[in-house]
Amino acid sequence: MPENMTHDVVILGSGCAGLTAAIYSARSNLKPLVLEGHEPGGQLSITTLVENFPGWPEGVQGPELIENMKKQAVRFGATLRLAHLSSIDLTKRPFALTVGDETIHTRTLIIASGASARWLNLPSEQALIGHGVTSCATCDGFFAKGKEIAVIGGGDTAMEEALFLTRFATKVTIINRSEKFRASKIMLDRAMAHPNIKFLSSTTVEEVLGVEEKDVKGLRLKNQVSGEQYTLPVSFMFLAIGHIPNALAFKGILDLDPDGYILTQHNVFTTLNGQIIPGVFACGDIQDRRYRQAITAAGSGCMAALEVEKYLEEHGR
């Protein structure tokens, strides 16, 4: 490829991790190309008020935070494209990325494609995301202060989030579609021992009430054994049924954990068969299944960009 046709760095994803990587690499004059993916802006783009991102004492709307980060990256020389990766070849140098019918070549790659929360996929649920429906207790638990809420799920995550939310909510109802809970005995016992946590098993959510008001007013539930339907008055619904890492394109190309998250060494170095792949880095929720916060994603995006700069310097760029 002609020298001017090969990018120094391509970044996959435009959430907090990808945009922070873009800001840092652009300020290093690397002119990063950011492919925004199928969820431009990541999960913050569907979040309302963000109160735990440093520097915003009154909070900031999620889409506004993402838009400001985009402007900052572009100001320093980043290029953003609405494009989705079709396939990738990491066996050659430079790396080859297929986007539609186009092939993009790059010396380094930062994967920041994130993870998508699992939803119930109810029309009413989707309409109320960010208005009382959320997938992040750590992010939005404070807003549930003094309210009665519901947590959907039956695994350890649901128990952990329910216990965390008792710091704010007056009552937490855990709703599980199965009769049995998948949570470990110790986590289930802790949740069951809490006086403010109630359980509904063999129960599904049929509708989230409050679409017209743009505010959750309750849940229409169905008992899977009796068929009975009834309304549970709650002000928040927290989804705790897991996340799906957006790493399908890297199956067989990079090391993934059993749930599909990219495995990394030293925070951002990707591997294949346990060996680091030089020039390929991952950051944000695509490799972080523990914290999944905007600020931790941004921090790992910074790390990835600094490693790209170091790698290119070592290879004469």
Protein backbone atom coordinates (compact mmCIF):
# COMPACT_ATOMS: atom_id res chain seq x y z
CA MET A 1 0.00 0.00 0.00
CA PRO A 2 1.18 3.57 -0.66
CA GLU A 3 2.49 5.20 2.52
CA ASN A 4 -0.29 7.82 2.59
CA MET A 5 -2.96 5.12 2.36
CA THR A 6 -2.06 3.44 5.65
CA HIS A 7 -3.35 4.87 8.94
CA ASP A 8 -1.16 5.02 12.01
CA VAL A 9 -4.10 4.05 14.22
CA VAL A 10 -7.70 3.00 13.74
CA ILE A 11 -10.08 2.98 16.71
CA LEU A 12 -13.14 0.75 16.74
CA GLY A 13 -15.91 2.30 18.84
CA SER A 14 -16.96 5.80 19.87
CA GLY A 15 -17.88 5.48 23.53
CA CYS A 16 -15.84 6.88 26.41
CA ALA A 17 -12.94 4.49 25.79
CA GLY A 18 -12.72 5.00 22.05
CA LEU A 19 -13.11 8.78 22.17
CA THR A 20 -10.54 9.17 24.94
CA ALA A 21 -8.13 7.08 22.88
CA ALA A 22 -8.93 9.33 19.92
CA ILE A 23 -8.23 12.50 21.92
CA TYR A 24 -4.87 11.24 23.17
CA SER A 25 -3.70 9.80 19.87
CA ALA A 26 -4.87 12.90 17.97
CA ARG A 27 -2.92 15.15 20.33
CA SER A 28 0.12 13.01 19.48
CA ASN A 29 -0.46 13.94 15.82
CA LEU A 30 -1.38 10.37 14.84
CA LYS A 31 -4.57 11.48 13.02
CA PRO A 32 -6.69 8.55 14.28
CA LEU A 33 -9.61 7.19 12.29
CA VAL A 34 -12.57 6.31 14.56
CA LEU A 35 -15.13 3.84 13.21
CA GLU A 36 -18.19 4.56 15.32
CA GLY A 37 -19.80 1.10 15.01
CA HIS A 38 -23.44 0.09 15.31
CA GLU A 39 -23.93 1.95 18.63
CA PRO A 40 -22.32 5.39 18.11
CA GLY A 41 -21.48 6.93 21.47
CA GLY A 42 -21.86 3.64 23.33
CA GLN A 43 -24.12 3.21 26.34
CA LEU A 44 -23.76 6.84 27.43
CA SER A 45 -25.63 7.89 24.30
CA ILE A 46 -28.81 6.44 25.82
CA THR A 47 -28.11 7.65 29.37
CA THR A 48 -29.72 10.76 30.80
CA LEU A 49 -28.03 12.46 33.75
CA VAL A 50 -24.43 11.42 34.55
CA GLU A 51 -23.40 12.66 38.00
CA ASN A 52 -20.26 10.62 38.67
CA PHE A 53 -17.99 11.80 35.85
CA PRO A 54 -15.31 14.12 37.31
CA GLY A 55 -15.50 17.78 36.38
CA TRP A 56 -19.29 18.08 36.17
CA PRO A 57 -20.47 19.17 39.65
CA GLU A 58 -24.08 19.53 38.49
CA GLY A 59 -23.97 16.42 36.33
CA VAL A 60 -24.11 16.18 32.54
CA GLN A 61 -26.44 14.48 30.07
CA GLY A 62 -24.85 11.34 28.61
CA PRO A 63 -25.30 12.38 24.95
CA GLU A 64 -23.84 15.83 25.74
CA LEU A 65 -20.76 14.28 27.34
CA ILE A 66 -20.22 12.06 24.29
CA GLU A 67 -20.77 14.95 21.87
CA ASN A 68 -18.21 17.09 23.71
CA MET A 69 -15.68 14.27 23.60
CA LYS A 70 -16.26 13.90 19.85
CA LYS A 71 -15.70 17.62 19.29
CA GLN A 72 -12.53 17.47 21.38
CA ALA A 73 -11.17 14.53 19.38
CA VAL A 74 -11.99 16.18 16.04
CA ARG A 75 -10.42 19.46 17.18
CA PHE A 76 -7.07 17.69 17.57
CA GLY A 77 -7.26 15.91 14.22
CA ALA A 78 -9.32 12.74 14.65
CA THR A 79 -11.68 11.61 11.88
CA LEU A 80 -14.98 9.98 12.84
CA ARG A 81 -16.86 7.72 10.43
CA LEU A 82 -20.25 6.07 10.78
CA ALA A 83 -19.06 2.61 9.79
CA HIS A 84 -19.24 -0.96 11.08
CA LEU A 85 -16.44 -3.52 10.89
CA SER A 86 -17.25 -6.50 8.66
CA SER A 87 -14.04 -8.52 9.03
CA ILE A 88 -10.42 -8.11 10.02
CA ASP A 89 -7.04 -9.65 9.17
CA LEU A 90 -4.37 -9.30 11.85
CA THR A 91 -1.96 -11.76 10.24
CA LYS A 92 -0.47 -9.14 7.90
CA ARG A 93 1.31 -5.85 8.46
CA PRO A 94 -0.30 -3.36 8.15
CA PHE A 95 -3.56 -4.80 9.51
CA ALA A 96 -6.49 -4.98 7.07
CA LEU A 97 -10.01 -4.01 8.13
CA THR A 98 -13.01 -4.59 5.88
CA VAL A 99 -15.77 -1.98 6.14
CA GLY A 100 -18.52 -2.66 3.63
CA ASP A 101 -16.75 -3.05 0.28
CA GLU A 102 -13.74 -1.01 1.43
CA THR A 103 -10.46 -2.20 2.94
CA ILE A 104 -8.74 0.03 5.48
CA HIS A 105 -5.09 -0.52 6.40
CA THR A 106 -3.56 0.50 9.72
CA ARG A 107 -0.30 0.04 11.60
CA THR A 108 -2.05 -0.20 14.97
CA LEU A 109 -5.56 -0.97 16.18
CA ILE A 110 -7.47 0.04 19.31
CA ILE A 111 -10.59 -2.05 19.96
CA ALA A 112 -13.12 -0.10 22.01
CA SER A 113 -16.35 -1.61 20.71
CA GLY A 114 -17.85 -2.01 24.18
CA ALA A 115 -20.52 -4.32 25.52
CA SER A 116 -24.26 -4.00 25.09
CA ALA A 117 -26.63 -4.54 28.00
CA ARG A 118 -29.14 -7.34 27.64
CA TRP A 119 -32.70 -6.01 27.54
CA LEU A 120 -36.13 -7.59 27.68
CA ASN A 121 -36.82 -5.99 24.29
CA LEU A 122 -40.27 -4.76 25.25
CA PRO A 123 -41.39 -1.63 23.34
CA SER A 124 -42.33 0.06 26.63
CA GLU A 125 -38.96 -0.83 28.15
CA GLN A 126 -37.04 0.58 25.19
CA ALA A 127 -39.10 3.80 25.31
CA LEU A 128 -38.20 4.34 28.97
CA ILE A 129 -34.44 3.64 28.89
CA GLY A 130 -32.91 6.57 30.73
CA HIS A 131 -36.28 7.50 32.22
CA GLY A 132 -36.47 4.96 35.02
CA VAL A 133 -35.25 1.92 33.09
CA THR A 134 -31.52 1.30 33.40
CA SER A 135 -28.90 -1.45 33.29
CA CYS A 136 -26.43 0.16 35.71
CA ALA A 137 -27.17 0.25 39.43
CA THR A 138 -23.85 1.92 40.22
CA CYS A 139 -24.61 4.70 37.72
CA ASP A 140 -28.26 5.34 38.56
CA GLY A 141 -28.87 3.95 42.04
CA PHE A 142 -28.74 7.40 43.63
CA PHE A 143 -31.80 8.49 41.64
CA ALA A 144 -33.82 5.72 43.29
CA LYS A 145 -33.44 7.28 46.73
CA GLY A 146 -36.61 6.87 48.78
CA LYS A 147 -38.41 4.89 46.06
CA GLU A 148 -39.67 1.35 45.53
CA ILE A 149 -37.85 -0.36 42.67
CA ALA A 150 -37.49 -3.65 40.80
CA VAL A 151 -34.39 -5.61 39.77
CA ILE A 152 -34.78 -8.08 36.91
CA GLY A 153 -32.59 -11.18 37.02
CA GLY A 154 -31.75 -14.24 39.07
CA GLY A 155 -27.96 -14.48 39.08
CA ASP A 156 -25.20 -13.11 41.27
CA THR A 157 -25.30 -9.77 39.46
CA ALA A 158 -28.97 -9.33 40.32
CA MET A 159 -28.28 -10.11 44.00
CA GLU A 160 -25.28 -7.76 44.11
CA GLU A 161 -27.18 -4.91 42.51
CA ALA A 162 -30.24 -5.46 44.70
CA LEU A 163 -28.08 -5.31 47.83
CA PHE A 164 -26.34 -2.19 46.56
CA LEU A 165 -29.67 -0.52 45.78
CA THR A 166 -30.96 -1.01 49.32
CA ARG A 167 -28.70 1.92 50.23
CA PHE A 168 -31.13 4.14 48.37
CA ALA A 169 -34.47 2.43 47.76
CA THR A 170 -37.05 1.75 50.45
CA LYS A 171 -37.98 -1.57 48.86
CA VAL A 172 -36.30 -3.73 46.21
CA THR A 173 -38.22 -6.49 44.43
CA ILE A 174 -36.14 -9.06 42.57
CA ILE A 175 -38.07 -10.54 39.64
CA ASN A 176 -36.86 -13.82 38.17
CA ARG A 177 -38.51 -15.54 35.22
CA SER A 178 -37.52 -19.00 36.47
CA GLU A 179 -38.61 -20.83 39.61
CA LYS A 180 -35.02 -21.29 40.71
CA PHE A 181 -32.40 -18.57 41.04
CA ARG A 182 -29.01 -19.00 39.32
CA ALA A 183 -27.19 -17.01 41.98
CA SER A 184 -24.64 -18.71 44.23
CA LYS A 185 -25.96 -19.81 47.62
CA ILE A 186 -23.96 -17.21 49.53
CA MET A 187 -25.26 -14.31 47.40
CA LEU A 188 -28.82 -15.60 47.45
CA ASP A 189 -28.70 -16.02 51.22
CA ARG A 190 -27.42 -12.46 51.67
CA ALA A 191 -30.21 -11.04 49.55
CA MET A 192 -32.88 -13.14 51.23
CA ALA A 193 -31.68 -12.05 54.65
CA HIS A 194 -32.15 -8.36 53.83
CA PRO A 195 -35.46 -7.04 55.18
CA ASN A 196 -35.96 -4.61 52.27
CA ILE A 197 -35.56 -7.17 49.48
CA LYS A 198 -38.54 -9.18 48.25
CA PHE A 199 -38.57 -11.97 45.66
CA LEU A 200 -40.89 -12.91 42.80
CA SER A 201 -40.00 -16.13 40.98
CA SER A 202 -41.61 -17.66 37.87
CA THR A 203 -42.56 -14.12 36.93
CA THR A 204 -42.02 -12.10 33.75
CA VAL A 205 -42.38 -8.43 32.94
CA GLU A 206 -45.05 -7.94 30.29
CA GLU A 207 -45.04 -4.15 30.15
CA VAL A 208 -43.37 -1.16 31.77
CA LEU A 209 -45.98 1.44 32.66
CA GLY A 210 -45.43 5.18 32.25
CA VAL A 211 -44.49 5.57 28.58
CA GLU A 212 -46.77 8.59 28.09
CA GLU A 213 -45.42 10.27 31.21
CA LYS A 214 -41.81 9.41 30.25
CA ASP A 215 -41.39 8.09 33.80
CA VAL A 216 -41.72 4.54 35.15
CA LYS A 217 -44.98 4.14 37.07
CA GLY A 218 -45.04 0.39 37.55
CA LEU A 219 -44.67 -3.02 35.92
CA ARG A 220 -47.34 -5.30 34.52
CA LEU A 221 -46.23 -8.78 35.58
CA LYS A 222 -47.31 -12.30 34.72
CA ASN A 223 -46.98 -15.36 36.92
CA GLN A 224 -45.75 -18.13 34.64
CA VAL A 225 -47.37 -20.87 36.73
CA SER A 226 -50.88 -19.49 37.31
CA GLY A 227 -51.03 -17.13 34.33
CA GLU A 228 -52.18 -14.32 36.62
CA GLN A 229 -51.32 -10.79 35.55
CA TYR A 230 -51.06 -7.90 37.97
CA THR A 231 -49.35 -4.53 38.45
CA LEU A 232 -46.36 -3.90 40.70
CA PRO A 233 -46.03 -0.19 41.55
CA VAL A 234 -42.34 0.77 41.23
CA SER A 235 -40.47 3.89 40.13
CA PHE A 236 -37.37 2.22 38.64
CA MET A 237 -36.57 -0.99 36.80
CA PHE A 238 -32.93 -2.15 36.90
CA LEU A 239 -31.90 -4.82 34.39
CA ALA A 240 -29.36 -7.29 35.76
CA ILE A 241 -29.44 -10.02 33.12
CA GLY A 242 -25.94 -9.49 31.79
CA HIS A 243 -24.08 -7.79 28.95
CA ILE A 244 -23.08 -8.93 25.47
CA PRO A 245 -19.52 -7.96 24.49
CA ASN A 246 -19.32 -6.63 20.94
CA ALA A 247 -16.43 -8.92 20.04
CA LEU A 248 -17.95 -11.42 17.61
CA ALA A 249 -15.62 -10.25 14.82
CA PHE A 250 -12.60 -11.28 16.93
CA LYS A 251 -13.62 -14.86 17.68
CA GLY A 252 -10.69 -17.08 16.72
CA ILE A 253 -8.53 -14.01 16.11
CA LEU A 254 -7.99 -12.87 19.71
CA ASP A 255 -8.20 -14.65 23.05
CA LEU A 256 -11.71 -14.27 24.50
CA ASP A 257 -13.07 -15.40 27.85
CA PRO A 258 -16.01 -17.89 27.96
CA ASP A 259 -18.52 -15.03 27.75
CA GLY A 260 -16.85 -13.39 24.77
CA TYR A 261 -14.92 -10.55 26.42
CA ILE A 262 -11.46 -9.82 25.02
CA LEU A 263 -8.71 -11.01 27.35
CA THR A 264 -5.90 -8.53 27.92
CA GLN A 265 -2.54 -8.42 29.66
CA HIS A 266 -1.38 -5.31 31.53
CA ASN A 267 -4.83 -3.73 31.04
CA VAL A 268 -4.84 -3.20 27.26
CA PHE A 269 -2.53 -5.69 25.45
CA THR A 270 -4.49 -8.26 23.41
CA THR A 271 -3.31 -11.84 23.02
CA LEU A 272 -3.70 -14.94 20.88
CA ASN A 273 -2.94 -18.27 22.53
CA GLY A 274 -1.59 -16.29 25.46
CA GLN A 275 0.95 -14.37 23.37
CA ILE A 276 0.69 -10.57 23.06
CA ILE A 277 -0.20 -9.35 19.57
CA PRO A 278 2.04 -6.30 18.93
CA GLY A 279 0.13 -3.23 17.83
CA VAL A 280 -3.36 -4.42 18.82
CA PHE A 281 -4.95 -3.04 21.99
CA ALA A 282 -8.35 -3.27 23.67
CA CYS A 283 -9.95 -0.87 26.15
CA GLY A 284 -13.26 -0.12 27.82
CA ASP A 285 -16.15 -2.50 28.36
CA ILE A 286 -15.03 -4.90 25.61
CA GLN A 287 -12.39 -6.15 28.07
CA ASP A 288 -13.78 -4.89 31.41
CA ARG A 289 -16.58 -7.00 32.81
CA ARG A 290 -16.03 -5.85 36.39
CA TYR A 291 -16.33 -2.06 36.59
CA ARG A 292 -18.05 -0.91 33.36
CA GLN A 293 -17.95 2.78 34.29
CA ALA A 294 -17.46 5.77 32.01
CA ILE A 295 -14.41 6.91 33.93
CA THR A 296 -12.71 3.49 33.92
CA ALA A 297 -13.42 3.15 30.20
CA ALA A 298 -11.90 6.58 29.60
CA GLY A 299 -8.84 5.63 31.68
CA SER A 300 -8.21 2.46 29.70
CA GLY A 301 -8.69 4.41 26.45
CA CYS A 302 -5.91 6.73 27.58
CA MET A 303 -3.67 3.73 28.34
CA ALA A 304 -4.30 2.22 24.91
CA ALA A 305 -3.47 5.47 23.12
CA LEU A 306 -0.23 5.89 25.09
CA GLU A 307 0.78 2.32 24.21
CA VAL A 308 0.04 3.00 20.52
CA GLU A 309 2.29 6.06 20.60
CA LYS A 310 5.06 4.07 22.28
CA TYR A 311 4.70 1.18 19.84
CA LEU A 312 4.88 3.47 16.78
CA GLU A 313 7.93 5.29 18.15
CA GLU A 314 9.69 1.98 18.68
CA HIS A 315 8.93 1.06 15.06
CA GLY A 316 10.24 4.28 13.55
CA ARG A 317 7.02 6.25 13.26
